[in-house]
N, C-alpha and C. Protein backbone atom coordinates (compact mmCIF):
# COMPACT_ATOMS: atom_id res chain seq x y z
N MET A 1 -12.13 5.93 -83.16
CA MET A 1 -12.58 5.68 -81.71
C MET A 1 -11.66 4.76 -81.00
N SER A 2 -12.27 3.51 -81.69
CA SER A 2 -11.05 2.20 -80.99
C SER A 2 -9.76 2.58 -80.95
N CYS A 3 -8.78 3.34 -81.42
CA CYS A 3 -7.74 3.67 -81.53
C CYS A 3 -7.69 4.76 -80.44
N ASN A 4 -7.88 5.88 -80.09
CA ASN A 4 -8.15 6.54 -78.94
C ASN A 4 -8.35 5.81 -77.86
N LEU A 5 -9.23 4.84 -77.70
CA LEU A 5 -9.64 4.26 -76.73
C LEU A 5 -8.59 3.18 -75.94
N SER A 6 -7.70 2.62 -76.86
CA SER A 6 -6.76 1.40 -76.43
C SER A 6 -5.62 2.50 -76.14
N GLU A 7 -5.19 3.67 -77.01
CA GLU A 7 -4.01 4.72 -76.62
C GLU A 7 -4.35 5.53 -74.83
N ALA A 8 -5.98 5.60 -74.76
CA ALA A 8 -6.44 5.97 -73.24
C ALA A 8 -6.03 4.78 -72.52
N ILE A 9 -6.24 3.51 -72.60
CA ILE A 9 -6.01 2.80 -71.54
C ILE A 9 -4.62 2.46 -71.64
N GLU A 10 -3.79 2.32 -72.74
CA GLU A 10 -2.15 2.47 -72.13
C GLU A 10 -1.74 3.41 -71.48
N GLU A 11 -2.12 4.77 -72.08
CA GLU A 11 -1.82 5.65 -70.95
C GLU A 11 -2.11 5.65 -69.49
N ARG A 12 -2.94 5.17 -69.10
CA ARG A 12 -3.65 4.74 -67.97
C ARG A 12 -2.44 4.12 -67.21
N GLY A 13 -2.74 2.78 -68.06
CA GLY A 13 -1.47 1.59 -67.51
C GLY A 13 0.04 2.61 -67.24
N ILE A 14 0.15 2.76 -67.82
CA ILE A 14 1.94 3.78 -68.18
C ILE A 14 1.58 4.83 -66.75
N ASN A 15 0.68 5.65 -66.78
CA ASN A 15 0.23 6.37 -65.50
C ASN A 15 0.22 5.58 -64.28
N LYS A 16 -0.10 4.44 -64.22
CA LYS A 16 -0.49 3.87 -62.96
C LYS A 16 0.85 3.15 -62.49
N GLY A 17 1.92 2.73 -63.77
CA GLY A 17 3.01 2.08 -63.37
C GLY A 17 3.85 2.72 -62.69
N ILE A 18 3.78 4.00 -63.29
CA ILE A 18 4.72 5.38 -63.11
C ILE A 18 4.81 5.50 -61.30
N ASP A 19 3.26 5.77 -60.97
CA ASP A 19 2.61 6.17 -59.85
C ASP A 19 3.20 4.27 -58.72
N ILE A 20 3.17 3.52 -58.97
CA ILE A 20 3.44 2.45 -58.37
C ILE A 20 4.79 2.86 -58.44
N GLY A 21 5.77 3.29 -59.53
CA GLY A 21 7.34 3.12 -58.98
C GLY A 21 7.43 4.34 -58.14
N ILE A 22 7.25 5.63 -58.30
CA ILE A 22 7.36 6.49 -57.58
C ILE A 22 7.23 6.25 -55.94
N ASN A 23 6.09 5.55 -55.75
CA ASN A 23 5.83 5.43 -54.52
C ASN A 23 6.61 4.20 -53.53
N LYS A 24 6.81 3.07 -54.60
CA LYS A 24 8.01 2.18 -54.04
C LYS A 24 9.56 2.64 -53.74
N GLY A 25 9.61 3.75 -55.02
CA GLY A 25 10.96 4.86 -54.55
C GLY A 25 11.19 5.21 -52.89
N ILE A 26 9.94 5.92 -53.03
CA ILE A 26 9.67 6.59 -51.76
C ILE A 26 9.85 5.67 -50.31
N ASP A 27 8.78 4.41 -50.61
CA ASP A 27 8.94 3.74 -49.23
C ASP A 27 10.31 3.46 -49.11
N ILE A 28 11.33 2.88 -50.44
CA ILE A 28 12.24 2.21 -50.00
C ILE A 28 13.22 3.86 -49.28
N GLY A 29 13.30 4.51 -50.08
CA GLY A 29 13.79 5.98 -49.57
C GLY A 29 13.77 6.20 -47.78
N ILE A 30 12.76 6.33 -47.56
CA ILE A 30 11.96 6.45 -46.46
C ILE A 30 12.90 5.17 -45.05
N ASN A 31 12.46 4.04 -45.63
CA ASN A 31 13.49 2.89 -45.30
C ASN A 31 14.76 3.00 -44.65
N LYS A 32 15.42 3.42 -45.89
CA LYS A 32 16.93 3.81 -45.94
C LYS A 32 16.97 4.72 -45.00
N GLY A 33 16.45 5.83 -44.96
CA GLY A 33 16.73 7.01 -44.38
C GLY A 33 16.77 6.58 -42.66
N ILE A 34 15.52 5.60 -42.23
CA ILE A 34 15.24 5.65 -41.09
C ILE A 34 16.59 4.21 -40.58
N ASP A 35 17.01 3.74 -41.14
CA ASP A 35 18.11 2.79 -41.20
C ASP A 35 19.21 3.33 -40.78
N ILE A 36 19.46 4.58 -41.61
CA ILE A 36 20.70 5.45 -41.37
C ILE A 36 21.08 6.29 -40.03
N GLY A 37 19.61 6.67 -39.90
CA GLY A 37 19.45 7.68 -38.59
C GLY A 37 19.34 6.79 -36.88
N ILE A 38 18.95 5.01 -37.35
CA ILE A 38 19.33 4.50 -36.05
C ILE A 38 20.52 4.30 -35.85
N ASN A 39 21.50 3.88 -37.29
CA ASN A 39 22.69 3.53 -37.26
C ASN A 39 23.60 4.75 -36.28
N ILE A 40 23.12 6.11 -37.02
CA ILE A 40 23.83 7.39 -36.30
C ILE A 40 23.89 7.23 -34.73
N GLY A 41 22.43 7.19 -34.66
CA GLY A 41 21.93 6.79 -33.16
C GLY A 41 22.87 6.16 -32.17
N THR A 42 23.18 5.06 -33.03
CA THR A 42 23.57 3.73 -32.16
C THR A 42 25.13 3.99 -31.99
N LEU A 43 25.92 4.26 -33.18
CA LEU A 43 27.49 4.62 -33.29
C LEU A 43 27.65 5.60 -31.96
N HIS A 44 26.90 6.89 -32.38
CA HIS A 44 27.14 7.91 -31.01
C HIS A 44 26.50 7.30 -29.47
N SER A 45 25.86 6.70 -29.44
CA SER A 45 25.74 6.24 -28.05
C SER A 45 27.22 5.07 -27.38
N LEU A 46 27.13 4.18 -29.23
CA LEU A 46 28.94 3.54 -28.12
C LEU A 46 29.82 4.68 -27.99
N GLN A 47 29.68 5.85 -28.79
CA GLN A 47 31.30 6.72 -28.62
C GLN A 47 30.65 7.25 -27.11
N SER A 48 29.82 6.99 -26.46
CA SER A 48 29.42 8.01 -25.62
C SER A 48 30.33 7.05 -24.28
N ILE A 49 29.59 5.65 -24.69
CA ILE A 49 29.58 4.78 -23.48
C ILE A 49 31.39 4.25 -23.23
N LEU A 50 31.76 4.20 -24.77
CA LEU A 50 33.81 4.04 -24.78
C LEU A 50 34.33 5.27 -24.36
N LYS A 51 34.29 6.08 -23.48
CA LYS A 51 34.44 6.98 -22.71
C LYS A 51 34.24 6.59 -21.14
N THR A 52 33.97 5.31 -21.01
CA THR A 52 34.21 4.89 -20.00
C THR A 52 35.21 3.94 -19.85
N PRO A 53 35.47 3.13 -18.86
CA PRO A 53 36.03 1.88 -19.17
C PRO A 53 36.26 0.68 -19.82
N LEU A 54 34.52 0.84 -20.22
CA LEU A 54 33.97 -0.40 -20.86
C LEU A 54 34.81 -0.80 -22.50
N SER A 55 34.91 -1.92 -23.02
CA SER A 55 35.53 -2.33 -24.47
C SER A 55 34.41 -2.26 -25.27
N PRO A 56 34.69 -2.25 -26.28
CA PRO A 56 33.56 -2.08 -27.57
C PRO A 56 32.69 -3.25 -27.18
N ASP A 57 32.98 -4.46 -26.91
CA ASP A 57 32.28 -5.49 -26.94
C ASP A 57 31.25 -5.33 -25.80
N GLN A 58 31.79 -5.04 -24.78
CA GLN A 58 30.98 -4.71 -23.09
C GLN A 58 30.21 -3.86 -23.43
N ALA A 59 30.38 -2.46 -24.42
CA ALA A 59 29.51 -1.42 -25.03
C ALA A 59 28.47 -1.85 -25.59
N MET A 60 28.77 -2.55 -26.66
CA MET A 60 27.73 -3.32 -27.54
C MET A 60 26.83 -4.55 -26.91
N ASP A 61 27.53 -4.90 -25.37
CA ASP A 61 26.40 -5.79 -25.03
C ASP A 61 25.31 -5.17 -23.88
N LEU A 62 25.81 -3.99 -23.60
CA LEU A 62 25.30 -2.86 -22.45
C LEU A 62 23.95 -1.99 -23.26
N ILE A 63 24.19 -1.93 -24.93
CA ILE A 63 23.09 -1.61 -25.40
C ILE A 63 22.48 -2.33 -26.44
N ASP A 64 22.58 -3.64 -26.56
CA ASP A 64 21.91 -4.95 -27.04
C ASP A 64 22.29 -4.98 -28.31
N ILE A 65 23.32 -4.30 -29.32
CA ILE A 65 23.93 -4.51 -30.57
C ILE A 65 23.74 -6.13 -31.07
N PRO A 66 23.16 -6.58 -31.66
CA PRO A 66 23.16 -8.05 -31.72
C PRO A 66 24.04 -8.16 -32.51
N GLU A 67 24.63 -9.58 -32.22
CA GLU A 67 26.10 -10.58 -32.77
C GLU A 67 26.32 -9.92 -34.50
N SER A 68 25.27 -10.12 -35.38
CA SER A 68 25.22 -10.02 -36.54
C SER A 68 25.60 -8.58 -36.93
N GLU A 69 25.64 -7.49 -36.06
CA GLU A 69 25.65 -5.94 -36.43
C GLU A 69 27.00 -5.68 -36.02
N ARG A 70 27.67 -6.06 -35.37
CA ARG A 70 28.86 -5.70 -34.29
C ARG A 70 30.15 -5.55 -35.07
N ALA A 71 30.45 -6.49 -36.17
CA ALA A 71 31.21 -5.80 -36.84
C ALA A 71 31.41 -4.44 -38.02
N LYS A 72 30.12 -4.30 -38.18
CA LYS A 72 29.91 -3.03 -38.70
C LYS A 72 29.86 -1.97 -37.80
N PHE A 73 29.76 -2.12 -36.74
CA PHE A 73 29.90 -0.63 -35.83
C PHE A 73 31.27 -0.72 -35.39
N LEU A 74 32.12 -2.05 -35.39
CA LEU A 74 33.06 -1.81 -35.09
C LEU A 74 33.91 -0.96 -36.25
N GLU A 75 33.94 -1.27 -37.58
CA GLU A 75 34.05 -0.54 -38.54
C GLU A 75 33.79 0.62 -38.46
N LEU A 76 32.79 1.17 -38.11
CA LEU A 76 32.11 2.49 -38.15
C LEU A 76 33.03 3.39 -37.03
N LEU A 77 33.29 2.90 -35.82
CA LEU A 77 33.98 3.22 -34.78
C LEU A 77 35.53 3.34 -35.43
N LYS A 78 36.15 2.89 -36.04
CA LYS A 78 37.38 2.58 -36.93
C LYS A 78 37.23 3.76 -37.35
N GLN A 79 36.66 4.03 -38.29
CA GLN A 79 36.24 5.22 -38.94
C GLN A 79 36.18 6.34 -38.61
N GLN A 80 35.34 6.57 -37.47
CA GLN A 80 35.34 8.20 -36.63
C GLN A 80 36.92 8.67 -36.02
N GLN A 81 37.47 7.33 -35.67
CA GLN A 81 38.73 8.08 -34.96
C GLN A 81 39.54 8.65 -36.12
N PRO A 82 40.38 9.78 -34.90
CA PRO A 82 41.08 10.80 -35.73
C PRO A 82 42.22 10.30 -36.03
């Protein structure tokens, strides 16, 4: 009986750990998806603004892209050019 009880407790602990891991993975995936969506939206906004005479820096000023993220968006813009 004692063996069955300890096995049941162990199995509950394992299942709880698996559930926690799955939920954490889902949260990470959702946040990553949100970040990607925001980046795509920002990139599309930049591309649209750059059809005007504004420079990339002026366009990023216009839509309030932080200095810390500007290099990333400049690189993404370069990758999008044909």
